[in-house]
Amino acid sequence: MRRTFYICVMVVAVGVCAFARQPIATISSSSSFELDGSLVNIGGVPAWPLMPGARVAAKSSPVVIAMRDGSRITIAANSQIQFDSSVTSPSANLIAGSMQFTLASGSNLRILQGGTPVNGRSSSVGSQGDRALLRPPPPSKISAR
């Protein structure tokens, strides 16, 4: 009887651990930022886990979000992004400000701006006022001979 009880407890414990939410990305920044409304002081921690459904708000400096699939999102200072709660097909919705993104090959991450899908594998989106922080390198000059 006691052995059956312990086996049941172990099965439940393993099941709970297997279905625990896993981070979908890591967040890094050179200064504090908000994660789900709470101020995160970086204090020597190089990266913070990003859980499904999280909201990230950059403060005085950009925030870099490295997705598990290799995709990368950089949100400019004073910008906000909301992730949905899906682990298998996540989406990142720019709520305010600007961001730059590059999707990894085979990534199923969907990028949205104000709920509207953004096309492309790599781009900058957001308000013009913040774009200077995320300006892509100038195009190479092509000369005709």
C-alpha atoms as a PDB file:
ATOM      1  CA  MET A   1       0.000   0.000   0.000  1.00  0.00           C
ATOM      2  CA  ARG A   2       2.741   2.430   0.968  1.00  0.00           C
ATOM      3  CA  ARG A   3       4.766   1.540  -2.123  1.00  0.00           C
ATOM      4  CA  THR A   4       1.754   2.232  -4.389  1.00  0.00           C
ATOM      5  CA  PHE A   5       1.325   5.626  -2.737  1.00  0.00           C
ATOM      6  CA  TYR A   6       4.968   6.573  -3.378  1.00  0.00           C
ATOM      7  CA  ILE A   7       4.736   5.445  -6.984  1.00  0.00           C
ATOM      8  CA  CYS A   8       1.631   7.602  -7.493  1.00  0.00           C
ATOM      9  CA  VAL A   9       3.374  10.601  -5.927  1.00  0.00           C
ATOM     10  CA  MET A  10       6.392  10.107  -8.207  1.00  0.00           C
ATOM     11  CA  VAL A  11       4.213   9.837 -11.321  1.00  0.00           C
ATOM     12  CA  VAL A  12       2.413  13.063 -10.415  1.00  0.00           C
ATOM     13  CA  ALA A  13       5.714  14.841  -9.671  1.00  0.00           C
ATOM     14  CA  VAL A  14       7.227  13.779 -13.003  1.00  0.00           C
ATOM     15  CA  GLY A  15       4.059  14.868 -14.819  1.00  0.00           C
ATOM     16  CA  VAL A  16       4.110  18.297 -13.188  1.00  0.00           C
ATOM     17  CA  CYS A  17       7.776  18.787 -14.071  1.00  0.00           C
ATOM     18  CA  ALA A  18       7.214  17.684 -17.666  1.00  0.00           C
ATOM     19  CA  PHE A  19       4.438  20.225 -18.192  1.00  0.00           C
ATOM     20  CA  ALA A  20       6.102  23.120 -16.372  1.00  0.00           C
ATOM     21  CA  ARG A  21       6.449  26.203 -18.529  1.00  0.00           C
ATOM     22  CA  GLN A  22       9.852  26.543 -20.111  1.00  0.00           C
ATOM     23  CA  PRO A  23      11.495  29.829 -21.135  1.00  0.00           C
ATOM     24  CA  ILE A  24      11.094  30.724 -24.807  1.00  0.00           C
ATOM     25  CA  ALA A  25      14.039  33.144 -24.834  1.00  0.00           C
ATOM     26  CA  THR A  26      16.567  35.075 -22.782  1.00  0.00           C
ATOM     27  CA  ILE A  27      16.648  38.836 -22.263  1.00  0.00           C
ATOM     28  CA  SER A  28      19.752  40.982 -21.869  1.00  0.00           C
ATOM     29  CA  SER A  29      20.306  44.709 -21.560  1.00  0.00           C
ATOM     30  CA  SER A  30      22.967  47.149 -20.412  1.00  0.00           C
ATOM     31  CA  SER A  31      20.518  48.761 -17.972  1.00  0.00           C
ATOM     32  CA  SER A  32      17.310  47.942 -16.117  1.00  0.00           C
ATOM     33  CA  PHE A  33      14.109  47.024 -17.964  1.00  0.00           C
ATOM     34  CA  GLU A  34      10.576  45.946 -17.071  1.00  0.00           C
ATOM     35  CA  LEU A  35       9.413  42.346 -17.237  1.00  0.00           C
ATOM     36  CA  ASP A  36       5.665  41.864 -16.725  1.00  0.00           C
ATOM     37  CA  GLY A  37       5.449  45.258 -15.003  1.00  0.00           C
ATOM     38  CA  SER A  38       8.301  44.629 -12.551  1.00  0.00           C
ATOM     39  CA  LEU A  39      11.570  46.528 -12.780  1.00  0.00           C
ATOM     40  CA  VAL A  40      14.527  44.198 -13.393  1.00  0.00           C
ATOM     41  CA  ASN A  41      17.874  45.556 -12.209  1.00  0.00           C
ATOM     42  CA  ILE A  42      20.522  43.709 -14.183  1.00  0.00           C
ATOM     43  CA  GLY A  43      22.995  43.616 -11.257  1.00  0.00           C
ATOM     44  CA  GLY A  44      25.590  41.256 -12.745  1.00  0.00           C
ATOM     45  CA  VAL A  45      23.092  38.826 -14.279  1.00  0.00           C
ATOM     46  CA  PRO A  46      23.917  38.580 -18.004  1.00  0.00           C
ATOM     47  CA  ALA A  47      20.558  37.162 -19.168  1.00  0.00           C
ATOM     48  CA  TRP A  48      17.049  36.699 -17.777  1.00  0.00           C
ATOM     49  CA  PRO A  49      14.588  33.989 -18.864  1.00  0.00           C
ATOM     50  CA  LEU A  50      11.578  35.063 -20.921  1.00  0.00           C
ATOM     51  CA  MET A  51       8.448  33.012 -20.326  1.00  0.00           C
ATOM     52  CA  PRO A  52       5.510  32.656 -22.751  1.00  0.00           C
ATOM     53  CA  GLY A  53       2.995  35.486 -22.327  1.00  0.00           C
ATOM     54  CA  ALA A  54       5.570  37.953 -20.964  1.00  0.00           C
ATOM     55  CA  ARG A  55       5.604  41.697 -21.602  1.00  0.00           C
ATOM     56  CA  VAL A  56       8.981  43.443 -21.890  1.00  0.00           C
ATOM     57  CA  ALA A  57       9.512  47.203 -21.683  1.00  0.00           C
ATOM     58  CA  ALA A  58      12.900  48.753 -22.399  1.00  0.00           C
ATOM     59  CA  LYS A  59      13.824  51.773 -20.299  1.00  0.00           C
ATOM     60  CA  SER A  60      16.885  53.901 -21.094  1.00  0.00           C
ATOM     61  CA  SER A  61      18.687  51.403 -23.323  1.00  0.00           C
ATOM     62  CA  PRO A  62      17.778  48.732 -25.891  1.00  0.00           C
ATOM     63  CA  VAL A  63      16.852  45.196 -24.828  1.00  0.00           C
ATOM     64  CA  VAL A  64      18.057  42.145 -26.758  1.00  0.00           C
ATOM     65  CA  ILE A  65      15.828  39.067 -26.830  1.00  0.00           C
ATOM     66  CA  ALA A  66      17.489  35.852 -28.001  1.00  0.00           C
ATOM     67  CA  MET A  67      14.868  33.222 -28.872  1.00  0.00           C
ATOM     68  CA  ARG A  68      15.594  29.516 -28.354  1.00  0.00           C
ATOM     69  CA  ASP A  69      15.454  28.897 -32.121  1.00  0.00           C
ATOM     70  CA  GLY A  70      18.229  31.447 -32.776  1.00  0.00           C
ATOM     71  CA  SER A  71      15.976  34.351 -33.802  1.00  0.00           C
ATOM     72  CA  ARG A  72      16.885  37.731 -32.343  1.00  0.00           C
ATOM     73  CA  ILE A  73      14.790  40.780 -31.454  1.00  0.00           C
ATOM     74  CA  THR A  74      16.175  44.121 -30.284  1.00  0.00           C
ATOM     75  CA  ILE A  75      13.680  46.605 -28.894  1.00  0.00           C
ATOM     76  CA  ALA A  76      14.749  50.243 -28.717  1.00  0.00           C
ATOM     77  CA  ALA A  77      14.807  52.304 -25.526  1.00  0.00           C
ATOM     78  CA  ASN A  78      11.298  53.251 -24.357  1.00  0.00           C
ATOM     79  CA  SER A  79       9.694  50.434 -26.382  1.00  0.00           C
ATOM     80  CA  GLN A  80       7.361  47.601 -25.337  1.00  0.00           C
ATOM     81  CA  ILE A  81       6.748  44.131 -26.718  1.00  0.00           C
ATOM     82  CA  GLN A  82       4.219  41.452 -25.724  1.00  0.00           C
ATOM     83  CA  PHE A  83       4.756  37.722 -26.302  1.00  0.00           C
ATOM     84  CA  ASP A  84       1.810  35.349 -26.567  1.00  0.00           C
ATOM     85  CA  SER A  85       1.523  32.281 -24.391  1.00  0.00           C
ATOM     86  CA  SER A  86       2.245  29.686 -27.093  1.00  0.00           C
ATOM     87  CA  VAL A  87       5.473  27.723 -26.808  1.00  0.00           C
ATOM     88  CA  THR A  88       5.130  25.904 -30.137  1.00  0.00           C
ATOM     89  CA  SER A  89       4.282  28.915 -32.350  1.00  0.00           C
ATOM     90  CA  PRO A  90       5.138  32.076 -30.410  1.00  0.00           C
ATOM     91  CA  SER A  91       4.441  35.615 -31.548  1.00  0.00           C
ATOM     92  CA  ALA A  92       6.026  38.909 -30.563  1.00  0.00           C
ATOM     93  CA  ASN A  93       3.765  41.974 -30.776  1.00  0.00           C
ATOM     94  CA  LEU A  94       5.389  45.433 -30.734  1.00  0.00           C
ATOM     95  CA  ILE A  95       3.098  47.582 -28.599  1.00  0.00           C
ATOM     96  CA  ALA A  96       5.065  50.843 -28.521  1.00  0.00           C
ATOM     97  CA  GLY A  97       8.352  52.154 -29.873  1.00  0.00           C
ATOM     98  CA  SER A  98      10.628  50.364 -32.329  1.00  0.00           C
ATOM     99  CA  MET A  99      12.312  47.044 -32.806  1.00  0.00           C
ATOM    100  CA  GLN A 100      14.635  45.243 -35.132  1.00  0.00           C
ATOM    101  CA  PHE A 101      14.347  41.505 -35.726  1.00  0.00           C
ATOM    102  CA  THR A 102      16.075  38.687 -37.539  1.00  0.00           C
ATOM    103  CA  LEU A 103      14.333  35.320 -37.747  1.00  0.00           C
ATOM    104  CA  ALA A 104      16.426  32.164 -37.758  1.00  0.00           C
ATOM    105  CA  SER A 105      16.064  29.706 -40.606  1.00  0.00           C
ATOM    106  CA  GLY A 106      13.046  27.513 -39.921  1.00  0.00           C
ATOM    107  CA  SER A 107      11.756  29.779 -37.151  1.00  0.00           C
ATOM    108  CA  ASN A 108       8.010  29.762 -36.485  1.00  0.00           C
ATOM    109  CA  LEU A 109       8.130  33.060 -34.539  1.00  0.00           C
ATOM    110  CA  ARG A 110       5.496  35.507 -35.802  1.00  0.00           C
ATOM    111  CA  ILE A 111       6.282  39.227 -35.604  1.00  0.00           C
ATOM    112  CA  LEU A 112       3.433  41.712 -35.196  1.00  0.00           C
ATOM    113  CA  GLN A 113       3.181  45.469 -34.846  1.00  0.00           C
ATOM    114  CA  GLY A 114       0.061  46.571 -33.023  1.00  0.00           C
ATOM    115  CA  GLY A 115      -1.499  43.175 -33.771  1.00  0.00           C
ATOM    116  CA  THR A 116      -0.797  43.374 -37.511  1.00  0.00           C
ATOM    117  CA  PRO A 117       1.594  40.738 -38.942  1.00  0.00           C
ATOM    118  CA  VAL A 118       4.951  41.996 -40.226  1.00  0.00           C
ATOM    119  CA  ASN A 119       6.346  40.264 -43.320  1.00  0.00           C
ATOM    120  CA  GLY A 120       9.967  39.370 -43.879  1.00  0.00           C
ATOM    121  CA  ARG A 121      12.746  37.489 -42.130  1.00  0.00           C
ATOM    122  CA  SER A 122      14.666  40.597 -41.043  1.00  0.00           C
ATOM    123  CA  SER A 123      13.472  44.173 -40.646  1.00  0.00           C
ATOM    124  CA  SER A 124      13.052  47.249 -38.460  1.00  0.00           C
ATOM    125  CA  VAL A 125       9.545  48.273 -37.443  1.00  0.00           C
ATOM    126  CA  GLY A 126       8.042  50.966 -35.268  1.00  0.00           C
ATOM    127  CA  SER A 127       7.731  54.685 -34.915  1.00  0.00           C
ATOM    128  CA  GLN A 128      10.069  56.908 -36.893  1.00  0.00           C
ATOM    129  CA  GLY A 129      11.250  58.758 -33.790  1.00  0.00           C
ATOM    130  CA  ASP A 130      13.001  55.678 -32.405  1.00  0.00           C
ATOM    131  CA  ARG A 131      14.426  54.295 -35.641  1.00  0.00           C
ATOM    132  CA  ALA A 132      17.745  56.112 -35.228  1.00  0.00           C
ATOM    133  CA  LEU A 133      18.547  53.686 -32.385  1.00  0.00           C
ATOM    134  CA  LEU A 134      17.995  50.702 -34.656  1.00  0.00           C
ATOM    135  CA  ARG A 135      19.184  52.055 -37.986  1.00  0.00           C
ATOM    136  CA  PRO A 136      20.476  49.222 -40.190  1.00  0.00           C
ATOM    137  CA  PRO A 137      23.844  49.655 -41.863  1.00  0.00           C
ATOM    138  CA  PRO A 138      23.756  51.695 -45.087  1.00  0.00           C
ATOM    139  CA  PRO A 139      23.405  49.686 -48.302  1.00  0.00           C
ATOM    140  CA  SER A 140      26.623  48.963 -50.115  1.00  0.00           C
ATOM    141  CA  LYS A 141      27.369  51.167 -53.101  1.00  0.00           C
ATOM    142  CA  ILE A 142      27.259  49.411 -56.420  1.00  0.00           C
ATOM    143  CA  SER A 143      29.219  51.033 -59.204  1.00  0.00           C
ATOM    144  CA  ALA A 144      28.569  50.439 -62.866  1.00  0.00           C
ATOM    145  CA  ARG A 145      31.683  49.912 -64.968  1.00  0.00           C
END
